[in-house]
Amino acid sequence: MAGVSRSLRVLIVDDDALVRAGLSMMLDGVHGITVAGEATDGDEVLAAADAHAPDVVLMDLRMPRVDGITATRGLRRRRPPPEIIVLTTFDTDENILHALRAGAGGFLLKDTPPPQIVEAIRRIAAGEPVLSPRITRRLMDRAAVQAGAHQRARDALAALSPREHDVVLAVARGRTNAEIAAELFMSVATVKAHVSHILCKLDLDNRTQIALLAHDAGLA
């Protein structure tokens, strides 16, 4: 995660030159955010990440040579991996759910207003999920109907302590670390430690996947 003392570095990945130009122009004028580079297809992503060291990647899903899901998986294998926000026009595409499960930390439609995109970049860099409210419930519902998802999720969550279970429920409800700390009467540092332990125990990448798992288990 980027430190607060420097600008967040953003890599834009999209095969549409107009989309790349529009996002770049929008972000170039934002304090604390720098467009570090661009990639025109998924097969350029790893090299672009090596060259530009982004904190956040804005990732298109449908590209001619390598799709955004494959590129996302590749980026999540890096250590440390950048945070990834999927930007797409396909809000009913099954690939959106696959992208979240591949490790993307958020999903936004391309018609999302610029201030919300800026806020999403800052939130995901701070470890908070960024799912478009318009389709959050749809994604969660589709995740829950996958074969065997319910029992697998319950089995996975059974490995957690009662306190970690409470944190999972709060994360699934979209609570921030500060809100969880207030609700569960613990420090923000303790909440962050619990989230890290949960991610490690469950072999997950981010808070979005914790929320999906909780929904699969019927807890959210």
C-alpha atoms as a PDB file:
ATOM      1  CA  MET A   1       0.000   0.000   0.000  1.00  0.00           C
ATOM      2  CA  ALA A   2       1.231   3.463  -0.776  1.00  0.00           C
ATOM      3  CA  GLY A   3       2.421   5.704   2.040  1.00  0.00           C
ATOM      4  CA  VAL A   4       0.685   8.961   2.765  1.00  0.00           C
ATOM      5  CA  SER A   5       3.846  10.987   2.063  1.00  0.00           C
ATOM      6  CA  ARG A   6       3.731  10.508  -1.704  1.00  0.00           C
ATOM      7  CA  SER A   7       1.235  10.432  -4.524  1.00  0.00           C
ATOM      8  CA  LEU A   8      -0.639   7.250  -5.324  1.00  0.00           C
ATOM      9  CA  ARG A   9       0.692   5.830  -8.578  1.00  0.00           C
ATOM     10  CA  VAL A  10      -2.026   4.640 -10.978  1.00  0.00           C
ATOM     11  CA  LEU A  11      -1.653   2.386 -14.025  1.00  0.00           C
ATOM     12  CA  ILE A  12      -4.477   2.609 -16.599  1.00  0.00           C
ATOM     13  CA  VAL A  13      -5.141  -0.578 -18.608  1.00  0.00           C
ATOM     14  CA  ASP A  14      -7.630  -0.296 -21.470  1.00  0.00           C
ATOM     15  CA  ASP A  15      -7.526  -1.026 -25.201  1.00  0.00           C
ATOM     16  CA  ASP A  16      -9.635   2.070 -25.970  1.00  0.00           C
ATOM     17  CA  ALA A  17      -7.373   5.097 -26.490  1.00  0.00           C
ATOM     18  CA  LEU A  18     -10.211   7.503 -25.728  1.00  0.00           C
ATOM     19  CA  VAL A  19     -10.911   5.832 -22.391  1.00  0.00           C
ATOM     20  CA  ARG A  20      -7.228   5.936 -21.462  1.00  0.00           C
ATOM     21  CA  ALA A  21      -6.988   9.595 -22.452  1.00  0.00           C
ATOM     22  CA  GLY A  22     -10.129  10.526 -20.534  1.00  0.00           C
ATOM     23  CA  LEU A  23      -9.010   8.785 -17.354  1.00  0.00           C
ATOM     24  CA  SER A  24      -5.522  10.237 -17.631  1.00  0.00           C
ATOM     25  CA  MET A  25      -6.815  13.786 -18.090  1.00  0.00           C
ATOM     26  CA  MET A  26      -9.192  13.386 -15.166  1.00  0.00           C
ATOM     27  CA  LEU A  27      -6.578  12.005 -12.767  1.00  0.00           C
ATOM     28  CA  ASP A  28      -3.711  14.292 -13.800  1.00  0.00           C
ATOM     29  CA  GLY A  29      -5.410  17.205 -12.078  1.00  0.00           C
ATOM     30  CA  VAL A  30      -6.061  15.400  -8.792  1.00  0.00           C
ATOM     31  CA  HIS A  31      -3.862  16.157  -5.791  1.00  0.00           C
ATOM     32  CA  GLY A  32      -2.152  13.081  -4.394  1.00  0.00           C
ATOM     33  CA  ILE A  33      -2.673  10.903  -7.486  1.00  0.00           C
ATOM     34  CA  THR A  34      -0.216  10.417 -10.363  1.00  0.00           C
ATOM     35  CA  VAL A  35      -0.867   8.549 -13.610  1.00  0.00           C
ATOM     36  CA  ALA A  36       2.302   6.455 -13.641  1.00  0.00           C
ATOM     37  CA  GLY A  37       1.670   4.755 -16.983  1.00  0.00           C
ATOM     38  CA  GLU A  38      -0.718   3.089 -19.402  1.00  0.00           C
ATOM     39  CA  ALA A  39      -1.124  -0.324 -21.013  1.00  0.00           C
ATOM     40  CA  THR A  40      -3.196  -1.024 -24.110  1.00  0.00           C
ATOM     41  CA  ASP A  41      -3.836  -4.730 -23.488  1.00  0.00           C
ATOM     42  CA  GLY A  42      -3.572  -7.368 -20.798  1.00  0.00           C
ATOM     43  CA  ASP A  43      -0.388  -8.803 -22.243  1.00  0.00           C
ATOM     44  CA  GLU A  44       1.393  -5.516 -21.475  1.00  0.00           C
ATOM     45  CA  VAL A  45       0.345  -5.346 -17.831  1.00  0.00           C
ATOM     46  CA  LEU A  46       3.200  -7.160 -16.093  1.00  0.00           C
ATOM     47  CA  ALA A  47       5.861  -5.239 -17.996  1.00  0.00           C
ATOM     48  CA  ALA A  48       4.041  -1.958 -17.310  1.00  0.00           C
ATOM     49  CA  ALA A  49       3.807  -2.809 -13.614  1.00  0.00           C
ATOM     50  CA  ASP A  50       7.550  -3.544 -13.536  1.00  0.00           C
ATOM     51  CA  ALA A  51       8.295  -0.259 -15.272  1.00  0.00           C
ATOM     52  CA  HIS A  52       5.933   2.014 -13.341  1.00  0.00           C
ATOM     53  CA  ALA A  53       5.435   0.351  -9.895  1.00  0.00           C
ATOM     54  CA  PRO A  54       1.745   1.305  -9.552  1.00  0.00           C
ATOM     55  CA  ASP A  55      -0.119   1.309  -6.264  1.00  0.00           C
ATOM     56  CA  VAL A  56      -3.481   0.984  -8.029  1.00  0.00           C
ATOM     57  CA  VAL A  57      -4.396  -0.466 -11.440  1.00  0.00           C
ATOM     58  CA  LEU A  58      -7.569   0.553 -13.291  1.00  0.00           C
ATOM     59  CA  MET A  59      -8.277  -2.612 -15.300  1.00  0.00           C
ATOM     60  CA  ASP A  60     -10.568  -3.099 -18.279  1.00  0.00           C
ATOM     61  CA  LEU A  61     -12.038  -6.603 -18.646  1.00  0.00           C
ATOM     62  CA  ARG A  62     -12.463  -7.123 -22.373  1.00  0.00           C
ATOM     63  CA  MET A  63      -9.285  -6.620 -24.393  1.00  0.00           C
ATOM     64  CA  PRO A  64      -8.261  -8.214 -27.702  1.00  0.00           C
ATOM     65  CA  ARG A  65      -5.248 -10.314 -26.715  1.00  0.00           C
ATOM     66  CA  VAL A  66      -5.260 -10.937 -22.953  1.00  0.00           C
ATOM     67  CA  ASP A  67      -8.365 -10.185 -20.904  1.00  0.00           C
ATOM     68  CA  GLY A  68      -8.429  -8.317 -17.622  1.00  0.00           C
ATOM     69  CA  ILE A  69      -9.101 -11.432 -15.549  1.00  0.00           C
ATOM     70  CA  THR A  70      -5.904 -13.119 -16.721  1.00  0.00           C
ATOM     71  CA  ALA A  71      -3.972  -9.900 -16.231  1.00  0.00           C
ATOM     72  CA  THR A  72      -5.420  -9.526 -12.734  1.00  0.00           C
ATOM     73  CA  ARG A  73      -4.297 -13.013 -11.744  1.00  0.00           C
ATOM     74  CA  GLY A  74      -0.802 -12.212 -12.966  1.00  0.00           C
ATOM     75  CA  LEU A  75      -0.629  -8.990 -10.993  1.00  0.00           C
ATOM     76  CA  ARG A  76      -1.914 -10.613  -7.802  1.00  0.00           C
ATOM     77  CA  ARG A  77       0.999 -13.058  -7.914  1.00  0.00           C
ATOM     78  CA  ARG A  78       3.429 -10.152  -7.556  1.00  0.00           C
ATOM     79  CA  ARG A  79       4.801  -9.393  -4.101  1.00  0.00           C
ATOM     80  CA  PRO A  80       3.608  -6.954  -3.045  1.00  0.00           C
ATOM     81  CA  PRO A  81       0.734  -6.832  -5.536  1.00  0.00           C
ATOM     82  CA  PRO A  82      -0.905  -3.567  -6.567  1.00  0.00           C
ATOM     83  CA  GLU A  83      -4.564  -3.007  -5.775  1.00  0.00           C
ATOM     84  CA  ILE A  84      -6.856  -3.530  -8.769  1.00  0.00           C
ATOM     85  CA  ILE A  85     -10.128  -1.813  -9.663  1.00  0.00           C
ATOM     86  CA  VAL A  86     -12.051  -3.277 -12.580  1.00  0.00           C
ATOM     87  CA  LEU A  87     -13.580  -0.607 -14.836  1.00  0.00           C
ATOM     88  CA  THR A  88     -16.066  -1.987 -17.335  1.00  0.00           C
ATOM     89  CA  THR A  89     -19.324  -1.350 -19.186  1.00  0.00           C
ATOM     90  CA  PHE A  90     -20.446  -4.976 -18.768  1.00  0.00           C
ATOM     91  CA  ASP A  91     -22.369  -5.010 -15.493  1.00  0.00           C
ATOM     92  CA  THR A  92     -24.116  -8.309 -16.307  1.00  0.00           C
ATOM     93  CA  ASP A  93     -21.039 -10.116 -17.577  1.00  0.00           C
ATOM     94  CA  GLU A  94     -20.067 -13.254 -15.639  1.00  0.00           C
ATOM     95  CA  ASN A  95     -16.457 -12.204 -16.051  1.00  0.00           C
ATOM     96  CA  ILE A  96     -16.993  -9.442 -13.472  1.00  0.00           C
ATOM     97  CA  LEU A  97     -17.480 -11.983 -10.698  1.00  0.00           C
ATOM     98  CA  HIS A  98     -14.523 -14.005 -11.952  1.00  0.00           C
ATOM     99  CA  ALA A  99     -12.370 -10.877 -11.830  1.00  0.00           C
ATOM    100  CA  LEU A 100     -13.241 -10.266  -8.177  1.00  0.00           C
ATOM    101  CA  ARG A 101     -12.422 -13.847  -7.331  1.00  0.00           C
ATOM    102  CA  ALA A 102      -9.156 -13.531  -9.265  1.00  0.00           C
ATOM    103  CA  GLY A 103      -8.102 -10.831  -6.825  1.00  0.00           C
ATOM    104  CA  ALA A 104      -9.507  -7.515  -8.008  1.00  0.00           C
ATOM    105  CA  GLY A 105     -10.339  -5.377  -5.000  1.00  0.00           C
ATOM    106  CA  GLY A 106     -13.195  -3.502  -6.600  1.00  0.00           C
ATOM    107  CA  PHE A 107     -15.526  -2.999  -9.522  1.00  0.00           C
ATOM    108  CA  LEU A 108     -16.881   0.184 -11.071  1.00  0.00           C
ATOM    109  CA  LEU A 109     -18.833   0.937 -14.209  1.00  0.00           C
ATOM    110  CA  LYS A 110     -17.139   3.212 -16.734  1.00  0.00           C
ATOM    111  CA  ASP A 111     -19.958   5.732 -16.390  1.00  0.00           C
ATOM    112  CA  THR A 112     -19.116   6.228 -12.706  1.00  0.00           C
ATOM    113  CA  PRO A 113     -18.760   9.989 -12.021  1.00  0.00           C
ATOM    114  CA  PRO A 114     -15.118  11.161 -11.861  1.00  0.00           C
ATOM    115  CA  PRO A 115     -15.226  12.149  -8.161  1.00  0.00           C
ATOM    116  CA  GLN A 116     -16.337   8.621  -7.282  1.00  0.00           C
ATOM    117  CA  ILE A 117     -13.513   7.091  -9.317  1.00  0.00           C
ATOM    118  CA  VAL A 118     -11.020   9.311  -7.492  1.00  0.00           C
ATOM    119  CA  GLU A 119     -12.524   8.342  -4.140  1.00  0.00           C
ATOM    120  CA  ALA A 120     -12.420   4.663  -5.133  1.00  0.00           C
ATOM    121  CA  ILE A 121      -8.693   4.896  -5.900  1.00  0.00           C
ATOM    122  CA  ARG A 122      -8.025   6.423  -2.499  1.00  0.00           C
ATOM    123  CA  ARG A 123     -10.234   3.922  -0.700  1.00  0.00           C
ATOM    124  CA  ILE A 124      -8.739   0.844  -2.304  1.00  0.00           C
ATOM    125  CA  ALA A 125      -5.228   2.127  -1.600  1.00  0.00           C
ATOM    126  CA  ALA A 126      -6.304   2.345   2.048  1.00  0.00           C
ATOM    127  CA  GLY A 127      -7.499  -1.252   2.015  1.00  0.00           C
ATOM    128  CA  GLU A 128     -11.223  -0.606   1.647  1.00  0.00           C
ATOM    129  CA  PRO A 129     -13.398  -2.420  -0.945  1.00  0.00           C
ATOM    130  CA  VAL A 130     -14.847  -0.385  -3.823  1.00  0.00           C
ATOM    131  CA  LEU A 131     -17.880  -2.066  -5.350  1.00  0.00           C
ATOM    132  CA  SER A 132     -20.385  -0.053  -7.367  1.00  0.00           C
ATOM    133  CA  PRO A 133     -23.554   0.167  -5.240  1.00  0.00           C
ATOM    134  CA  ARG A 134     -25.665  -0.411  -8.346  1.00  0.00           C
ATOM    135  CA  ILE A 135     -24.487  -3.967  -8.759  1.00  0.00           C
ATOM    136  CA  THR A 136     -23.092  -5.038  -5.395  1.00  0.00           C
ATOM    137  CA  ARG A 137     -26.142  -7.107  -4.497  1.00  0.00           C
ATOM    138  CA  ARG A 138     -26.239  -8.728  -7.935  1.00  0.00           C
ATOM    139  CA  LEU A 139     -22.635  -9.838  -7.622  1.00  0.00           C
ATOM    140  CA  MET A 140     -23.142 -11.194  -4.142  1.00  0.00           C
ATOM    141  CA  ASP A 141     -26.259 -13.116  -5.157  1.00  0.00           C
ATOM    142  CA  ARG A 142     -24.503 -14.658  -8.138  1.00  0.00           C
ATOM    143  CA  ALA A 143     -21.567 -15.680  -5.966  1.00  0.00           C
ATOM    144  CA  ALA A 144     -23.868 -17.452  -3.536  1.00  0.00           C
ATOM    145  CA  VAL A 145     -25.521 -19.699  -6.114  1.00  0.00           C
ATOM    146  CA  GLN A 146     -22.319 -21.310  -7.338  1.00  0.00           C
ATOM    147  CA  ALA A 147     -22.372 -25.055  -6.760  1.00  0.00           C
ATOM    148  CA  GLY A 148     -21.108 -26.015  -3.335  1.00  0.00           C
ATOM    149  CA  ALA A 149     -20.210 -22.436  -2.452  1.00  0.00           C
ATOM    150  CA  HIS A 150     -22.349 -22.368   0.692  1.00  0.00           C
ATOM    151  CA  GLN A 151     -20.820 -25.390   2.409  1.00  0.00           C
ATOM    152  CA  ARG A 152     -17.258 -24.590   1.315  1.00  0.00           C
ATOM    153  CA  ALA A 153     -17.611 -21.091   2.721  1.00  0.00           C
ATOM    154  CA  ARG A 154     -19.004 -22.332   6.037  1.00  0.00           C
ATOM    155  CA  ASP A 155     -16.209 -24.877   6.344  1.00  0.00           C
ATOM    156  CA  ALA A 156     -13.602 -22.186   5.693  1.00  0.00           C
ATOM    157  CA  LEU A 157     -15.076 -19.783   8.234  1.00  0.00           C
ATOM    158  CA  ALA A 158     -15.167 -22.536  10.859  1.00  0.00           C
ATOM    159  CA  ALA A 159     -11.378 -22.187  11.134  1.00  0.00           C
ATOM    160  CA  LEU A 160     -11.726 -18.650  12.522  1.00  0.00           C
ATOM    161  CA  SER A 161     -11.901 -17.596  16.163  1.00  0.00           C
ATOM    162  CA  PRO A 162     -15.147 -16.043  17.450  1.00  0.00           C
ATOM    163  CA  ARG A 163     -13.561 -12.578  17.357  1.00  0.00           C
ATOM    164  CA  GLU A 164     -12.341 -13.071  13.801  1.00  0.00           C
ATOM    165  CA  HIS A 165     -15.838 -14.233  12.889  1.00  0.00           C
ATOM    166  CA  ASP A 166     -17.230 -10.951  14.242  1.00  0.00           C
ATOM    167  CA  VAL A 167     -14.753  -9.019  12.104  1.00  0.00           C
ATOM    168  CA  VAL A 168     -15.740 -11.013   9.007  1.00  0.00           C
ATOM    169  CA  LEU A 169     -19.397 -10.090   9.550  1.00  0.00           C
ATOM    170  CA  ALA A 170     -18.502  -6.422   9.921  1.00  0.00           C
ATOM    171  CA  VAL A 171     -16.360  -6.474   6.778  1.00  0.00           C
ATOM    172  CA  ALA A 172     -19.206  -8.144   4.886  1.00  0.00           C
ATOM    173  CA  ARG A 173     -21.494  -5.283   5.942  1.00  0.00           C
ATOM    174  CA  GLY A 174     -19.077  -2.791   4.395  1.00  0.00           C
ATOM    175  CA  ARG A 175     -17.800  -1.342   7.658  1.00  0.00           C
ATOM    176  CA  THR A 176     -14.508   0.559   7.682  1.00  0.00           C
ATOM    177  CA  ASN A 177     -11.735  -0.323  10.123  1.00  0.00           C
ATOM    178  CA  ALA A 178     -12.712   2.617  12.326  1.00  0.00           C
ATOM    179  CA  GLU A 179     -16.374   1.566  12.343  1.00  0.00           C
ATOM    180  CA  ILE A 180     -15.450  -2.036  13.183  1.00  0.00           C
ATOM    181  CA  ALA A 181     -13.233  -0.822  16.020  1.00  0.00           C
ATOM    182  CA  ALA A 182     -16.093   1.208  17.475  1.00  0.00           C
ATOM    183  CA  GLU A 183     -18.643  -1.604  17.114  1.00  0.00           C
ATOM    184  CA  LEU A 184     -16.420  -4.317  18.594  1.00  0.00           C
ATOM    185  CA  PHE A 185     -14.683  -2.158  21.218  1.00  0.00           C
ATOM    186  CA  MET A 186     -11.151  -2.637  19.960  1.00  0.00           C
ATOM    187  CA  SER A 187      -8.439  -0.438  18.501  1.00  0.00           C
ATOM    188  CA  VAL A 188      -8.083   0.187  14.768  1.00  0.00           C
ATOM    189  CA  ALA A 189      -4.669  -1.498  14.936  1.00  0.00           C
ATOM    190  CA  THR A 190      -6.284  -4.617  16.405  1.00  0.00           C
ATOM    191  CA  VAL A 191      -8.914  -4.630  13.648  1.00  0.00           C
ATOM    192  CA  LYS A 192      -6.187  -4.428  11.009  1.00  0.00           C
ATOM    193  CA  ALA A 193      -4.347  -7.314  12.689  1.00  0.00           C
ATOM    194  CA  HIS A 194      -7.522  -9.429  12.719  1.00  0.00           C
ATOM    195  CA  VAL A 195      -8.150  -8.696   9.026  1.00  0.00           C
ATOM    196  CA  SER A 196      -4.569  -9.702   8.174  1.00  0.00           C
ATOM    197  CA  HIS A 197      -4.936 -12.959  10.133  1.00  0.00           C
ATOM    198  CA  ILE A 198      -8.262 -13.696   8.424  1.00  0.00           C
ATOM    199  CA  LEU A 199      -6.770 -13.154   4.968  1.00  0.00           C
ATOM    200  CA  CYS A 200      -3.875 -15.452   5.855  1.00  0.00           C
ATOM    201  CA  LYS A 201      -6.041 -18.202   7.387  1.00  0.00           C
ATOM    202  CA  LEU A 202      -8.506 -18.205   4.509  1.00  0.00           C
ATOM    203  CA  ASP A 203      -5.892 -17.720   1.758  1.00  0.00           C
ATOM    204  CA  LEU A 204      -7.668 -14.617   0.438  1.00  0.00           C
ATOM    205  CA  ASP A 205      -6.268 -11.475  -1.162  1.00  0.00           C
ATOM    206  CA  ASN A 206      -8.491  -8.672   0.085  1.00  0.00           C
ATOM    207  CA  ARG A 207     -11.594  -7.530   1.976  1.00  0.00           C
ATOM    208  CA  THR A 208     -13.849  -7.949  -1.049  1.00  0.00           C
ATOM    209  CA  GLN A 209     -13.136 -11.680  -1.047  1.00  0.00           C
ATOM    210  CA  ILE A 210     -13.883 -11.831   2.697  1.00  0.00           C
ATOM    211  CA  ALA A 211     -17.289 -10.263   1.986  1.00  0.00           C
ATOM    212  CA  LEU A 212     -17.980 -12.709  -0.860  1.00  0.00           C
ATOM    213  CA  LEU A 213     -17.085 -15.647   1.361  1.00  0.00           C
ATOM    214  CA  ALA A 214     -19.376 -14.405   4.128  1.00  0.00           C
ATOM    215  CA  HIS A 215     -22.213 -14.046   1.637  1.00  0.00           C
ATOM    216  CA  ASP A 216     -21.565 -17.533   0.271  1.00  0.00           C
ATOM    217  CA  ALA A 217     -21.881 -18.820   3.834  1.00  0.00           C
ATOM    218  CA  GLY A 218     -25.233 -17.074   4.232  1.00  0.00           C
ATOM    219  CA  LEU A 219     -23.948 -14.653   6.846  1.00  0.00           C
ATOM    220  CA  ALA A 220     -24.470 -11.406   4.937  1.00  0.00           C
END
